[in-house]
């Protein structure tokens, strides 16, 4: 698939997801609370090569799914089969551009999530851990070695196949956009600037970019 073909397909798929979620008349702006509601709204937008999700600390990942976490009040994004990005959601905002549907976006604001206690110090606003079983965390170095512990003979005991590598975000905001959106195609947005912005401020910046692009095309 060429870049042009992917561009057209992603824009069409994002618009289709919007109309699956909201019908023929999507709201200009909307907000939801409650993790069950938030997961239900996000579900149509979680698929390989559909979204790009900007992380609170900068950078971003494609999310294949979103689900209720085994941790109380938490939500899990799935960037891979045994990978989870976890947060404690507070409110999900949606901003819709009818003239440019592929630039419509979600902003997920998160409440404070207590650190696991595995590490004495956490330098950034998240911690990477191995979740051996629900609620049982160990240092992420076990993921690198694949070893859980050693038995009485000193032999390695491998991590269970059900273990997960979890990034627990202790606060912050996730910005969910289409992969071919203006926001995702500007490299400088990877600095995590959305984390200090409201959905209205993000909307204003995107609207300005849409208007600028239109004026250039008409010139």
N, C-alpha and C. Protein backbone atom coordinates (compact mmCIF):
# COMPACT_ATOMS: atom_id res chain seq x y z
N UNK A 1 0.84 -1.19 0.00
CA UNK A 1 0.00 0.00 0.00
C UNK A 1 0.88 1.24 0.00
N UNK A 2 0.62 2.17 -0.90
CA UNK A 2 1.39 3.41 -0.96
C UNK A 2 0.98 4.34 0.17
N UNK A 3 1.81 5.37 0.40
CA UNK A 3 1.48 6.35 1.43
C UNK A 3 0.15 7.03 1.13
N UNK A 4 -0.06 7.35 -0.14
CA UNK A 4 -1.31 8.01 -0.53
C UNK A 4 -2.52 7.11 -0.28
N UNK A 5 -2.36 5.82 -0.57
CA UNK A 5 -3.46 4.87 -0.34
C UNK A 5 -3.75 4.73 1.14
N UNK A 6 -2.68 4.64 1.97
CA UNK A 6 -2.89 4.53 3.41
C UNK A 6 -3.52 5.80 3.96
N UNK A 7 -3.11 6.95 3.43
CA UNK A 7 -3.68 8.22 3.86
C UNK A 7 -5.19 8.22 3.64
N UNK A 8 -5.62 7.83 2.45
CA UNK A 8 -7.06 7.81 2.15
C UNK A 8 -7.79 6.79 3.01
N UNK A 9 -7.17 5.62 3.18
CA UNK A 9 -7.83 4.55 3.94
C UNK A 9 -7.96 4.93 5.41
N UNK A 10 -6.90 5.50 5.99
CA UNK A 10 -6.95 5.84 7.41
C UNK A 10 -7.99 6.93 7.67
N UNK A 11 -8.04 7.92 6.80
CA UNK A 11 -9.02 8.99 6.97
C UNK A 11 -10.44 8.44 6.86
N UNK A 12 -10.66 7.54 5.90
CA UNK A 12 -11.99 6.94 5.74
C UNK A 12 -12.35 6.06 6.93
N UNK A 13 -11.37 5.29 7.42
CA UNK A 13 -11.63 4.39 8.56
C UNK A 13 -11.92 5.18 9.84
N UNK A 14 -11.22 6.30 10.03
CA UNK A 14 -11.46 7.13 11.22
C UNK A 14 -12.85 7.74 11.17
N UNK A 15 -13.23 8.22 9.99
CA UNK A 15 -14.58 8.77 9.83
C UNK A 15 -15.64 7.70 10.06
N UNK A 16 -15.38 6.48 9.56
CA UNK A 16 -16.33 5.38 9.76
C UNK A 16 -16.46 5.05 11.24
N UNK A 17 -15.35 5.07 11.97
CA UNK A 17 -15.39 4.80 13.41
C UNK A 17 -16.22 5.86 14.13
N UNK A 18 -16.08 7.11 13.72
CA UNK A 18 -16.87 8.19 14.33
C UNK A 18 -18.36 7.92 14.14
N UNK A 19 -18.75 7.52 12.94
CA UNK A 19 -20.17 7.32 12.67
C UNK A 19 -20.70 6.01 13.28
N UNK A 20 -19.82 5.03 13.47
CA UNK A 20 -20.24 3.84 14.23
C UNK A 20 -20.51 4.21 15.68
N UNK A 21 -19.69 5.09 16.20
CA UNK A 21 -19.82 5.47 17.61
C UNK A 21 -20.98 6.44 17.85
N UNK A 22 -21.22 7.36 16.91
CA UNK A 22 -22.14 8.47 17.18
C UNK A 22 -23.28 8.60 16.18
N UNK A 23 -23.32 7.76 15.17
CA UNK A 23 -24.39 7.85 14.20
C UNK A 23 -24.15 8.95 13.17
N UNK A 24 -25.23 9.42 12.56
CA UNK A 24 -25.12 10.37 11.46
C UNK A 24 -24.83 11.80 11.90
N UNK A 25 -25.04 12.09 13.18
CA UNK A 25 -24.83 13.46 13.66
C UNK A 25 -23.92 13.47 14.89
N UNK A 26 -22.62 13.28 14.69
CA UNK A 26 -21.68 13.30 15.82
C UNK A 26 -21.73 14.64 16.54
N UNK A 27 -21.54 14.63 17.85
CA UNK A 27 -21.54 15.89 18.60
C UNK A 27 -20.29 16.70 18.29
N UNK A 28 -20.44 18.02 18.28
CA UNK A 28 -19.26 18.88 18.09
C UNK A 28 -18.27 18.66 19.22
N UNK A 29 -18.78 18.59 20.43
CA UNK A 29 -17.96 18.32 21.62
C UNK A 29 -18.78 17.45 22.55
N UNK A 30 -18.10 16.56 23.25
CA UNK A 30 -18.79 15.70 24.22
C UNK A 30 -17.81 15.25 25.29
N UNK A 31 -18.34 14.86 26.45
CA UNK A 31 -17.50 14.41 27.56
C UNK A 31 -18.18 13.22 28.24
N UNK A 32 -17.35 12.31 28.76
CA UNK A 32 -17.85 11.14 29.48
C UNK A 32 -17.00 10.90 30.72
N UNK A 33 -17.63 10.37 31.75
CA UNK A 33 -16.92 9.90 32.94
C UNK A 33 -17.32 8.45 33.17
N UNK A 34 -16.60 7.79 34.06
CA UNK A 34 -16.86 6.38 34.34
C UNK A 34 -16.10 5.51 33.36
N UNK A 35 -15.27 4.61 33.87
CA UNK A 35 -14.38 3.86 32.96
C UNK A 35 -15.16 2.95 32.02
N UNK A 36 -16.31 2.42 32.43
CA UNK A 36 -17.10 1.58 31.53
C UNK A 36 -17.58 2.38 30.33
N UNK A 37 -18.07 3.60 30.58
CA UNK A 37 -18.52 4.47 29.49
C UNK A 37 -17.35 4.84 28.58
N UNK A 38 -16.22 5.16 29.19
CA UNK A 38 -15.05 5.58 28.43
C UNK A 38 -14.55 4.46 27.52
N UNK A 39 -14.45 3.26 28.04
CA UNK A 39 -14.01 2.12 27.22
C UNK A 39 -14.98 1.87 26.08
N UNK A 40 -16.28 1.97 26.36
CA UNK A 40 -17.28 1.72 25.32
C UNK A 40 -17.17 2.74 24.19
N UNK A 41 -16.93 4.01 24.52
CA UNK A 41 -16.80 5.05 23.50
C UNK A 41 -15.52 4.84 22.67
N UNK A 42 -14.44 4.47 23.32
CA UNK A 42 -13.16 4.33 22.63
C UNK A 42 -13.06 3.09 21.75
N UNK A 43 -13.86 2.08 22.05
CA UNK A 43 -13.69 0.78 21.39
C UNK A 43 -13.65 0.85 19.86
N UNK A 44 -14.51 1.61 19.17
CA UNK A 44 -14.45 1.63 17.71
C UNK A 44 -13.15 2.24 17.15
N UNK A 45 -12.42 2.97 17.98
CA UNK A 45 -11.23 3.68 17.53
C UNK A 45 -9.95 2.93 17.86
N UNK A 46 -10.08 1.78 18.50
CA UNK A 46 -8.94 0.97 18.89
C UNK A 46 -8.76 -0.18 17.90
N UNK A 47 -7.81 -0.06 16.99
CA UNK A 47 -7.57 -1.10 16.00
C UNK A 47 -6.19 -0.86 15.40
N UNK A 48 -5.53 -1.91 14.93
CA UNK A 48 -4.20 -1.73 14.32
C UNK A 48 -4.25 -0.73 13.16
N UNK A 49 -3.27 0.16 13.15
CA UNK A 49 -3.10 1.15 12.08
C UNK A 49 -4.25 2.13 11.97
N UNK A 50 -5.03 2.31 13.04
CA UNK A 50 -6.12 3.27 12.99
C UNK A 50 -5.79 4.52 13.79
N UNK A 51 -5.45 4.35 15.07
CA UNK A 51 -5.17 5.50 15.93
C UNK A 51 -3.68 5.63 16.23
N UNK A 52 -3.31 6.80 16.71
CA UNK A 52 -2.02 6.97 17.38
C UNK A 52 -2.32 7.71 18.67
N UNK A 53 -1.83 7.18 19.77
CA UNK A 53 -2.16 7.70 21.09
C UNK A 53 -0.94 8.36 21.70
N UNK A 54 -1.03 9.67 21.91
CA UNK A 54 0.07 10.44 22.50
C UNK A 54 0.08 10.24 24.01
N UNK A 55 1.24 9.91 24.53
CA UNK A 55 1.38 9.56 25.95
C UNK A 55 1.63 10.81 26.80
N UNK A 56 1.28 10.75 28.09
CA UNK A 56 1.46 11.92 28.96
C UNK A 56 2.89 12.40 29.05
N UNK A 57 3.85 11.49 28.90
CA UNK A 57 5.26 11.85 29.08
C UNK A 57 5.95 12.14 27.76
N UNK A 58 5.19 12.17 26.66
CA UNK A 58 5.78 12.38 25.35
C UNK A 58 5.84 11.07 24.57
N UNK A 59 5.97 11.19 23.25
CA UNK A 59 5.95 10.00 22.41
C UNK A 59 4.53 9.50 22.22
N UNK A 60 4.41 8.39 21.52
CA UNK A 60 3.09 7.85 21.27
C UNK A 60 3.14 6.43 20.77
N UNK A 61 2.00 5.75 20.83
CA UNK A 61 1.89 4.36 20.42
C UNK A 61 0.56 4.13 19.72
N UNK A 62 0.53 3.18 18.80
CA UNK A 62 -0.74 2.70 18.26
C UNK A 62 -1.37 1.79 19.30
N UNK A 63 -2.64 1.95 19.56
CA UNK A 63 -3.34 1.11 20.53
C UNK A 63 -4.32 0.20 19.81
N UNK A 64 -4.16 -1.10 20.03
CA UNK A 64 -5.01 -2.08 19.36
C UNK A 64 -6.34 -2.29 20.06
N UNK A 65 -6.40 -1.96 21.36
CA UNK A 65 -7.61 -2.19 22.13
C UNK A 65 -7.56 -1.34 23.40
N UNK A 66 -8.73 -1.18 24.01
CA UNK A 66 -8.85 -0.57 25.33
C UNK A 66 -9.80 -1.45 26.13
N UNK A 67 -9.48 -1.68 27.40
CA UNK A 67 -10.30 -2.58 28.21
C UNK A 67 -10.30 -2.13 29.66
N UNK A 68 -11.25 -2.67 30.42
CA UNK A 68 -11.25 -2.45 31.86
C UNK A 68 -10.08 -3.20 32.46
N UNK A 69 -9.33 -2.53 33.30
CA UNK A 69 -8.17 -3.15 33.94
C UNK A 69 -8.61 -4.03 35.10
N UNK A 70 -7.75 -4.95 35.48
CA UNK A 70 -7.98 -5.73 36.69
C UNK A 70 -7.74 -4.89 37.94
N UNK A 71 -7.04 -3.76 37.79
CA UNK A 71 -6.86 -2.84 38.91
C UNK A 71 -8.11 -1.99 39.07
N UNK A 72 -8.50 -1.75 40.29
CA UNK A 72 -9.70 -0.96 40.57
C UNK A 72 -9.62 0.41 39.90
N UNK A 73 -10.71 0.80 39.25
CA UNK A 73 -10.88 2.14 38.67
C UNK A 73 -9.94 2.43 37.51
N UNK A 74 -9.25 1.42 36.99
CA UNK A 74 -8.25 1.65 35.94
C UNK A 74 -8.71 1.16 34.57
N UNK A 75 -8.05 1.69 33.57
CA UNK A 75 -8.27 1.35 32.17
C UNK A 75 -6.95 0.90 31.59
N UNK A 76 -6.99 -0.10 30.71
CA UNK A 76 -5.79 -0.57 30.03
C UNK A 76 -5.87 -0.30 28.53
N UNK A 77 -4.86 0.36 27.99
CA UNK A 77 -4.65 0.39 26.55
C UNK A 77 -3.75 -0.79 26.19
N UNK A 78 -3.95 -1.34 24.98
CA UNK A 78 -3.19 -2.51 24.53
C UNK A 78 -2.34 -2.13 23.32
N UNK A 79 -1.07 -1.77 23.52
CA UNK A 79 -0.21 -1.50 22.37
C UNK A 79 0.40 -2.76 21.77
N UNK A 80 0.18 -3.89 22.39
CA UNK A 80 0.70 -5.17 21.91
C UNK A 80 0.09 -6.30 22.71
N UNK A 81 0.39 -7.53 22.30
CA UNK A 81 -0.30 -8.68 22.88
C UNK A 81 -0.11 -8.80 24.39
N UNK A 82 1.11 -8.60 24.88
CA UNK A 82 1.37 -8.74 26.31
C UNK A 82 1.86 -7.42 26.89
N UNK A 83 1.41 -6.33 26.30
CA UNK A 83 1.78 -4.99 26.75
C UNK A 83 0.53 -4.24 27.17
N UNK A 84 0.64 -3.46 28.23
CA UNK A 84 -0.48 -2.65 28.69
C UNK A 84 0.03 -1.27 29.10
N UNK A 85 -0.72 -0.24 28.73
CA UNK A 85 -0.51 1.10 29.25
C UNK A 85 -1.73 1.40 30.12
N UNK A 86 -1.49 1.59 31.40
CA UNK A 86 -2.58 1.63 32.37
C UNK A 86 -2.70 3.02 33.00
N UNK A 87 -3.93 3.43 33.23
CA UNK A 87 -4.19 4.72 33.88
C UNK A 87 -5.50 4.62 34.65
N UNK A 88 -5.73 5.64 35.44
CA UNK A 88 -6.98 5.74 36.20
C UNK A 88 -7.79 6.89 35.59
N UNK A 89 -8.71 6.58 34.68
CA UNK A 89 -9.37 7.64 33.92
C UNK A 89 -10.29 8.50 34.77
N UNK A 90 -10.34 9.78 34.40
CA UNK A 90 -11.23 10.72 35.06
C UNK A 90 -12.32 11.18 34.10
N UNK A 91 -11.89 11.69 32.92
CA UNK A 91 -12.86 12.20 31.94
C UNK A 91 -12.31 12.05 30.54
N UNK A 92 -13.18 11.67 29.62
CA UNK A 92 -12.86 11.58 28.20
C UNK A 92 -13.59 12.69 27.46
N UNK A 93 -12.85 13.48 26.67
CA UNK A 93 -13.44 14.54 25.85
C UNK A 93 -13.29 14.18 24.38
N UNK A 94 -14.28 14.56 23.59
CA UNK A 94 -14.26 14.35 22.14
C UNK A 94 -14.50 15.68 21.45
N UNK A 95 -13.70 15.95 20.41
CA UNK A 95 -13.86 17.17 19.61
C UNK A 95 -13.96 16.76 18.15
N UNK A 96 -15.03 17.21 17.50
CA UNK A 96 -15.36 16.78 16.14
C UNK A 96 -15.25 17.94 15.16
N UNK A 97 -14.60 17.66 14.02
CA UNK A 97 -14.48 18.63 12.94
C UNK A 97 -15.25 18.08 11.74
N UNK A 98 -16.47 18.54 11.49
CA UNK A 98 -17.26 17.98 10.40
C UNK A 98 -16.62 18.18 9.03
N UNK A 99 -15.85 19.26 8.87
CA UNK A 99 -15.21 19.53 7.59
C UNK A 99 -13.90 18.76 7.42
N UNK A 100 -13.44 18.11 8.47
CA UNK A 100 -12.15 17.40 8.44
C UNK A 100 -12.21 16.29 9.51
N UNK A 101 -13.03 15.29 9.25
CA UNK A 101 -13.34 14.29 10.28
C UNK A 101 -12.11 13.58 10.81
N UNK A 102 -11.11 13.39 9.96
CA UNK A 102 -9.92 12.65 10.38
C UNK A 102 -9.07 13.41 11.40
N UNK A 103 -9.38 14.69 11.61
CA UNK A 103 -8.69 15.46 12.65
C UNK A 103 -9.46 15.51 13.97
N UNK A 104 -10.62 14.89 14.02
CA UNK A 104 -11.36 14.77 15.28
C UNK A 104 -10.54 13.94 16.26
N UNK A 105 -10.67 14.21 17.56
CA UNK A 105 -9.77 13.58 18.53
C UNK A 105 -10.46 13.36 19.87
N UNK A 106 -9.80 12.54 20.68
CA UNK A 106 -10.20 12.31 22.07
C UNK A 106 -9.07 12.74 23.00
N UNK A 107 -9.40 13.31 24.13
CA UNK A 107 -8.44 13.61 25.18
C UNK A 107 -8.90 12.92 26.45
N UNK A 108 -8.06 12.01 26.96
CA UNK A 108 -8.38 11.26 28.18
C UNK A 108 -7.59 11.85 29.34
N UNK A 109 -8.30 12.40 30.30
CA UNK A 109 -7.67 12.96 31.50
C UNK A 109 -7.70 11.91 32.61
N UNK A 110 -6.60 11.81 33.34
CA UNK A 110 -6.45 10.74 34.33
C UNK A 110 -6.30 11.29 35.74
N UNK A 111 -6.82 10.54 36.69
CA UNK A 111 -6.66 10.86 38.10
C UNK A 111 -5.33 10.31 38.60
N UNK A 112 -4.96 10.73 39.80
CA UNK A 112 -3.75 10.23 40.42
C UNK A 112 -3.88 8.74 40.69
N UNK A 113 -2.85 8.00 40.31
CA UNK A 113 -2.78 6.56 40.57
C UNK A 113 -1.59 6.32 41.48
N UNK A 114 -1.81 5.65 42.60
CA UNK A 114 -0.73 5.42 43.55
C UNK A 114 0.33 4.50 42.96
N UNK A 115 1.59 4.80 43.24
CA UNK A 115 2.69 3.96 42.77
C UNK A 115 2.57 2.57 43.39
N UNK A 116 3.12 1.60 42.71
CA UNK A 116 3.01 0.20 43.15
C UNK A 116 3.83 -0.09 44.40
N UNK A 117 4.91 0.68 44.61
CA UNK A 117 5.80 0.40 45.73
C UNK A 117 6.97 -0.49 45.36
N UNK A 118 7.03 -0.93 44.11
CA UNK A 118 8.14 -1.79 43.67
C UNK A 118 9.45 -1.01 43.66
N UNK A 119 9.39 0.26 43.25
CA UNK A 119 10.59 1.08 43.15
C UNK A 119 10.60 2.13 44.26
N UNK A 120 11.80 2.41 44.77
CA UNK A 120 11.93 3.45 45.79
C UNK A 120 11.72 4.83 45.20
N UNK A 121 12.26 5.04 44.00
CA UNK A 121 12.16 6.34 43.34
C UNK A 121 11.63 6.16 41.93
N UNK A 122 10.74 7.06 41.51
CA UNK A 122 10.21 7.06 40.16
C UNK A 122 10.55 8.42 39.55
N UNK A 123 11.44 8.43 38.55
CA UNK A 123 11.94 9.68 38.00
C UNK A 123 10.90 10.38 37.12
N UNK A 124 10.10 9.60 36.40
CA UNK A 124 9.10 10.20 35.54
C UNK A 124 7.72 9.85 36.08
N UNK A 125 6.69 10.24 35.35
CA UNK A 125 5.34 10.10 35.87
C UNK A 125 4.70 8.75 35.54
N UNK A 126 5.53 7.74 35.40
CA UNK A 126 5.03 6.39 35.15
C UNK A 126 6.07 5.39 35.62
N UNK A 127 5.64 4.16 35.75
CA UNK A 127 6.55 3.08 36.14
C UNK A 127 6.29 1.87 35.26
N UNK A 128 7.39 1.23 34.83
CA UNK A 128 7.29 0.01 34.03
C UNK A 128 7.49 -1.20 34.93
N UNK A 129 6.57 -2.14 34.87
CA UNK A 129 6.56 -3.27 35.77
C UNK A 129 6.15 -4.53 35.01
N UNK A 130 6.49 -5.66 35.57
CA UNK A 130 5.90 -6.92 35.12
C UNK A 130 4.76 -7.26 36.07
N UNK A 131 3.58 -7.50 35.50
CA UNK A 131 2.44 -7.94 36.29
C UNK A 131 2.35 -9.46 36.14
N UNK A 132 2.80 -10.16 37.17
CA UNK A 132 2.85 -11.63 37.13
C UNK A 132 1.45 -12.21 37.13
N UNK A 133 0.61 -11.63 37.93
CA UNK A 133 -0.82 -11.95 38.00
C UNK A 133 -1.52 -10.68 38.44
N UNK A 134 -2.82 -10.58 38.30
CA UNK A 134 -3.48 -9.32 38.63
C UNK A 134 -3.11 -8.78 40.00
N UNK A 135 -2.54 -7.55 39.99
CA UNK A 135 -2.18 -6.89 41.23
C UNK A 135 -0.84 -7.28 41.82
N UNK A 136 -0.13 -8.22 41.19
CA UNK A 136 1.18 -8.66 41.70
C UNK A 136 2.25 -8.17 40.74
N UNK A 137 2.99 -7.13 41.16
CA UNK A 137 3.99 -6.48 40.30
C UNK A 137 5.40 -6.79 40.76
N UNK A 138 6.30 -6.90 39.79
CA UNK A 138 7.72 -7.05 40.07
C UNK A 138 8.50 -6.16 39.11
N UNK A 139 9.77 -5.99 39.38
CA UNK A 139 10.64 -5.12 38.57
C UNK A 139 10.62 -5.54 37.10
N UNK A 140 10.65 -4.55 36.21
CA UNK A 140 10.58 -4.83 34.77
C UNK A 140 11.79 -5.60 34.27
N UNK A 141 12.89 -5.63 35.03
CA UNK A 141 14.07 -6.38 34.61
C UNK A 141 13.75 -7.86 34.42
N UNK A 142 12.72 -8.36 35.08
CA UNK A 142 12.31 -9.75 34.89
C UNK A 142 11.79 -9.97 33.47
N UNK A 143 11.22 -8.93 32.88
CA UNK A 143 10.76 -9.03 31.50
C UNK A 143 11.94 -9.19 30.56
N UNK A 144 13.03 -8.48 30.86
CA UNK A 144 14.22 -8.53 30.01
C UNK A 144 14.88 -9.90 30.05
N UNK A 145 14.88 -10.53 31.22
CA UNK A 145 15.53 -11.84 31.36
C UNK A 145 14.58 -13.00 31.10
N UNK A 146 13.27 -12.74 31.25
CA UNK A 146 12.30 -13.82 31.12
C UNK A 146 12.25 -14.74 32.32
N UNK A 147 12.93 -14.36 33.40
CA UNK A 147 13.05 -15.22 34.59
C UNK A 147 12.25 -14.62 35.74
N UNK A 148 11.41 -15.45 36.35
CA UNK A 148 10.63 -15.02 37.51
C UNK A 148 11.45 -15.13 38.78
N UNK A 149 12.06 -16.31 38.98
CA UNK A 149 12.85 -16.57 40.18
C UNK A 149 13.71 -17.80 39.91
N UNK A 150 14.31 -18.33 40.96
CA UNK A 150 15.08 -19.58 40.87
C UNK A 150 14.54 -20.56 41.90
N UNK A 151 14.54 -21.82 41.54
CA UNK A 151 14.04 -22.83 42.47
C UNK A 151 15.13 -23.23 43.47
N UNK A 152 14.81 -24.23 44.30
CA UNK A 152 15.73 -24.63 45.36
C UNK A 152 17.04 -25.20 44.83
N UNK A 153 17.04 -25.60 43.56
CA UNK A 153 18.26 -26.11 42.94
C UNK A 153 19.03 -25.03 42.18
N UNK A 154 18.53 -23.82 42.21
CA UNK A 154 19.17 -22.74 41.50
C UNK A 154 18.79 -22.64 40.04
N UNK A 155 17.83 -23.45 39.61
CA UNK A 155 17.40 -23.40 38.22
C UNK A 155 16.40 -22.27 38.01
N UNK A 156 16.44 -21.72 36.82
CA UNK A 156 15.55 -20.60 36.50
C UNK A 156 14.10 -21.05 36.40
N UNK A 157 13.23 -20.23 36.95
CA UNK A 157 11.79 -20.42 36.81
C UNK A 157 11.30 -19.31 35.89
N UNK A 158 10.83 -19.65 34.69
CA UNK A 158 10.44 -18.62 33.72
C UNK A 158 9.19 -17.87 34.16
N UNK A 159 9.06 -16.66 33.63
CA UNK A 159 7.82 -15.91 33.83
C UNK A 159 6.65 -16.69 33.24
N UNK A 160 5.50 -16.64 33.88
CA UNK A 160 4.33 -17.30 33.29
C UNK A 160 3.94 -16.63 31.98
N UNK A 161 3.37 -17.41 31.08
CA UNK A 161 2.99 -16.89 29.77
C UNK A 161 1.92 -15.80 29.87
N UNK A 162 1.23 -15.78 30.98
CA UNK A 162 0.16 -14.79 31.16
C UNK A 162 0.66 -13.46 31.73
N UNK A 163 1.95 -13.37 32.06
CA UNK A 163 2.48 -12.12 32.62
C UNK A 163 2.43 -11.00 31.58
N UNK A 164 2.35 -9.77 32.07
CA UNK A 164 2.24 -8.59 31.21
C UNK A 164 3.34 -7.59 31.56
N UNK A 165 3.79 -6.87 30.54
CA UNK A 165 4.65 -5.71 30.78
C UNK A 165 3.73 -4.49 30.82
N UNK A 166 3.66 -3.85 31.99
CA UNK A 166 2.68 -2.79 32.22
C UNK A 166 3.39 -1.47 32.48
N UNK A 167 2.97 -0.44 31.75
CA UNK A 167 3.38 0.93 32.06
C UNK A 167 2.22 1.58 32.82
N UNK A 168 2.45 1.89 34.08
CA UNK A 168 1.41 2.50 34.92
C UNK A 168 1.65 4.00 34.97
N UNK A 169 0.72 4.75 34.40
CA UNK A 169 0.82 6.21 34.39
C UNK A 169 0.13 6.76 35.64
N UNK A 170 0.89 7.49 36.44
CA UNK A 170 0.42 7.92 37.74
C UNK A 170 -0.48 9.15 37.66
N UNK A 171 -0.47 9.82 36.54
CA UNK A 171 -1.38 10.94 36.24
C UNK A 171 -1.13 11.34 34.80
N UNK A 172 -1.83 12.38 34.33
CA UNK A 172 -1.55 12.88 33.00
C UNK A 172 -2.72 12.72 32.04
N UNK A 173 -2.44 12.99 30.74
CA UNK A 173 -3.47 12.96 29.70
C UNK A 173 -2.97 12.18 28.49
N UNK A 174 -3.89 11.42 27.90
CA UNK A 174 -3.63 10.71 26.65
C UNK A 174 -4.43 11.40 25.55
N UNK A 175 -3.78 11.66 24.42
CA UNK A 175 -4.45 12.27 23.27
C UNK A 175 -4.55 11.21 22.17
N UNK A 176 -5.76 10.93 21.73
CA UNK A 176 -6.00 9.85 20.76
C UNK A 176 -6.44 10.47 19.45
N UNK A 177 -5.62 10.27 18.41
CA UNK A 177 -5.87 10.89 17.11
C UNK A 177 -5.77 9.82 16.02
N UNK A 178 -6.24 10.15 14.83
CA UNK A 178 -6.05 9.27 13.68
C UNK A 178 -4.58 9.29 13.27
N UNK A 179 -4.09 8.19 12.74
CA UNK A 179 -2.67 8.12 12.39
C UNK A 179 -2.29 9.17 11.35
N UNK A 180 -3.21 9.50 10.45
CA UNK A 180 -2.90 10.48 9.40
C UNK A 180 -3.46 11.87 9.72
N UNK A 181 -3.75 12.11 10.97
CA UNK A 181 -4.23 13.42 11.39
C UNK A 181 -3.11 14.45 11.31
N UNK A 182 -3.50 15.71 11.29
CA UNK A 182 -2.51 16.79 11.30
C UNK A 182 -1.62 16.68 12.53
N UNK A 183 -2.24 16.43 13.69
CA UNK A 183 -1.46 16.39 14.94
C UNK A 183 -0.37 15.33 14.89
N UNK A 184 -0.70 14.16 14.36
CA UNK A 184 0.28 13.08 14.35
C UNK A 184 1.33 13.26 13.26
N UNK A 185 1.06 14.08 12.25
CA UNK A 185 2.01 14.26 11.16
C UNK A 185 2.99 15.40 11.42
N UNK A 186 2.84 16.07 12.56
CA UNK A 186 3.77 17.12 12.95
C UNK A 186 4.67 16.55 14.05
N UNK A 187 5.94 16.37 13.74
CA UNK A 187 6.84 15.67 14.65
C UNK A 187 6.96 16.36 16.00
N UNK A 188 6.88 17.68 16.04
CA UNK A 188 7.09 18.40 17.29
C UNK A 188 6.03 18.09 18.34
N UNK A 189 4.86 17.57 17.93
CA UNK A 189 3.82 17.26 18.91
C UNK A 189 4.19 16.07 19.78
N UNK A 190 5.26 15.37 19.43
CA UNK A 190 5.70 14.22 20.23
C UNK A 190 6.33 14.65 21.56
N UNK A 191 6.43 15.95 21.79
CA UNK A 191 7.02 16.41 23.04
C UNK A 191 6.05 16.32 24.21
N UNK A 192 4.83 15.85 23.97
CA UNK A 192 3.86 15.70 25.06
C UNK A 192 3.16 16.99 25.43
N UNK A 193 3.14 17.97 24.53
CA UNK A 193 2.54 19.27 24.85
C UNK A 193 1.06 19.16 25.21
N UNK A 194 0.39 18.15 24.68
CA UNK A 194 -1.04 17.98 24.98
C UNK A 194 -1.29 17.79 26.47
N UNK A 195 -0.27 17.32 27.18
CA UNK A 195 -0.45 17.02 28.60
C UNK A 195 -0.72 18.28 29.43
N UNK A 196 -0.33 19.44 28.90
CA UNK A 196 -0.58 20.70 29.60
C UNK A 196 -1.68 21.52 28.95
N UNK A 197 -2.50 20.87 28.11
CA UNK A 197 -3.53 21.59 27.38
C UNK A 197 -4.91 21.03 27.68
N UNK A 198 -5.92 21.86 27.48
CA UNK A 198 -7.31 21.41 27.55
C UNK A 198 -7.75 20.95 26.17
N UNK A 199 -8.87 20.25 26.10
CA UNK A 199 -9.39 19.82 24.80
C UNK A 199 -9.73 21.03 23.94
N UNK A 200 -10.20 22.11 24.56
CA UNK A 200 -10.54 23.32 23.81
C UNK A 200 -9.30 23.96 23.20
N UNK A 201 -8.19 23.96 23.93
CA UNK A 201 -6.95 24.51 23.40
C UNK A 201 -6.39 23.68 22.25
N UNK A 202 -6.48 22.36 22.40
CA UNK A 202 -6.04 21.47 21.32
C UNK A 202 -6.91 21.69 20.09
N UNK A 203 -8.21 21.78 20.31
CA UNK A 203 -9.13 22.01 19.20
C UNK A 203 -8.77 23.29 18.45
N UNK A 204 -8.48 24.36 19.19
CA UNK A 204 -8.17 25.64 18.56
C UNK A 204 -6.92 25.53 17.69
N UNK A 205 -5.90 24.81 18.16
CA UNK A 205 -4.68 24.66 17.37
C UNK A 205 -4.94 23.85 16.11
N UNK A 206 -5.72 22.78 16.22
CA UNK A 206 -6.03 21.96 15.05
C UNK A 206 -6.88 22.75 14.07
N UNK A 207 -7.86 23.49 14.57
CA UNK A 207 -8.69 24.30 13.68
C UNK A 207 -7.85 25.31 12.90
N UNK A 208 -6.89 25.91 13.57
CA UNK A 208 -6.01 26.86 12.90
C UNK A 208 -5.22 26.17 11.78
N UNK A 209 -4.75 24.95 12.04
CA UNK A 209 -4.00 24.20 11.03
C UNK A 209 -4.90 23.80 9.86
N UNK A 210 -6.14 23.41 10.15
CA UNK A 210 -7.10 23.07 9.09
C UNK A 210 -7.37 24.29 8.21
N UNK A 211 -7.61 25.43 8.85
CA UNK A 211 -7.90 26.65 8.10
C UNK A 211 -6.70 27.07 7.26
N UNK A 212 -5.50 26.93 7.81
CA UNK A 212 -4.29 27.30 7.08
C UNK A 212 -4.12 26.39 5.86
N UNK A 213 -4.34 25.09 6.04
CA UNK A 213 -4.22 24.15 4.93
C UNK A 213 -5.23 24.47 3.84
N UNK A 214 -6.46 24.82 4.23
CA UNK A 214 -7.49 25.14 3.24
C UNK A 214 -7.13 26.40 2.46
N UNK A 215 -6.61 27.41 3.17
CA UNK A 215 -6.26 28.66 2.49
C UNK A 215 -5.13 28.45 1.50
N UNK A 216 -4.19 27.57 1.83
CA UNK A 216 -3.10 27.28 0.90
C UNK A 216 -3.62 26.57 -0.36
N UNK A 217 -4.58 25.66 -0.18
CA UNK A 217 -5.13 24.94 -1.31
C UNK A 217 -5.92 25.87 -2.22
N UNK A 218 -6.54 26.90 -1.63
CA UNK A 218 -7.37 27.81 -2.42
C UNK A 218 -6.54 28.91 -3.10
N UNK A 219 -5.30 29.09 -2.59
CA UNK A 219 -4.46 30.17 -3.14
C UNK A 219 -4.03 29.87 -4.58
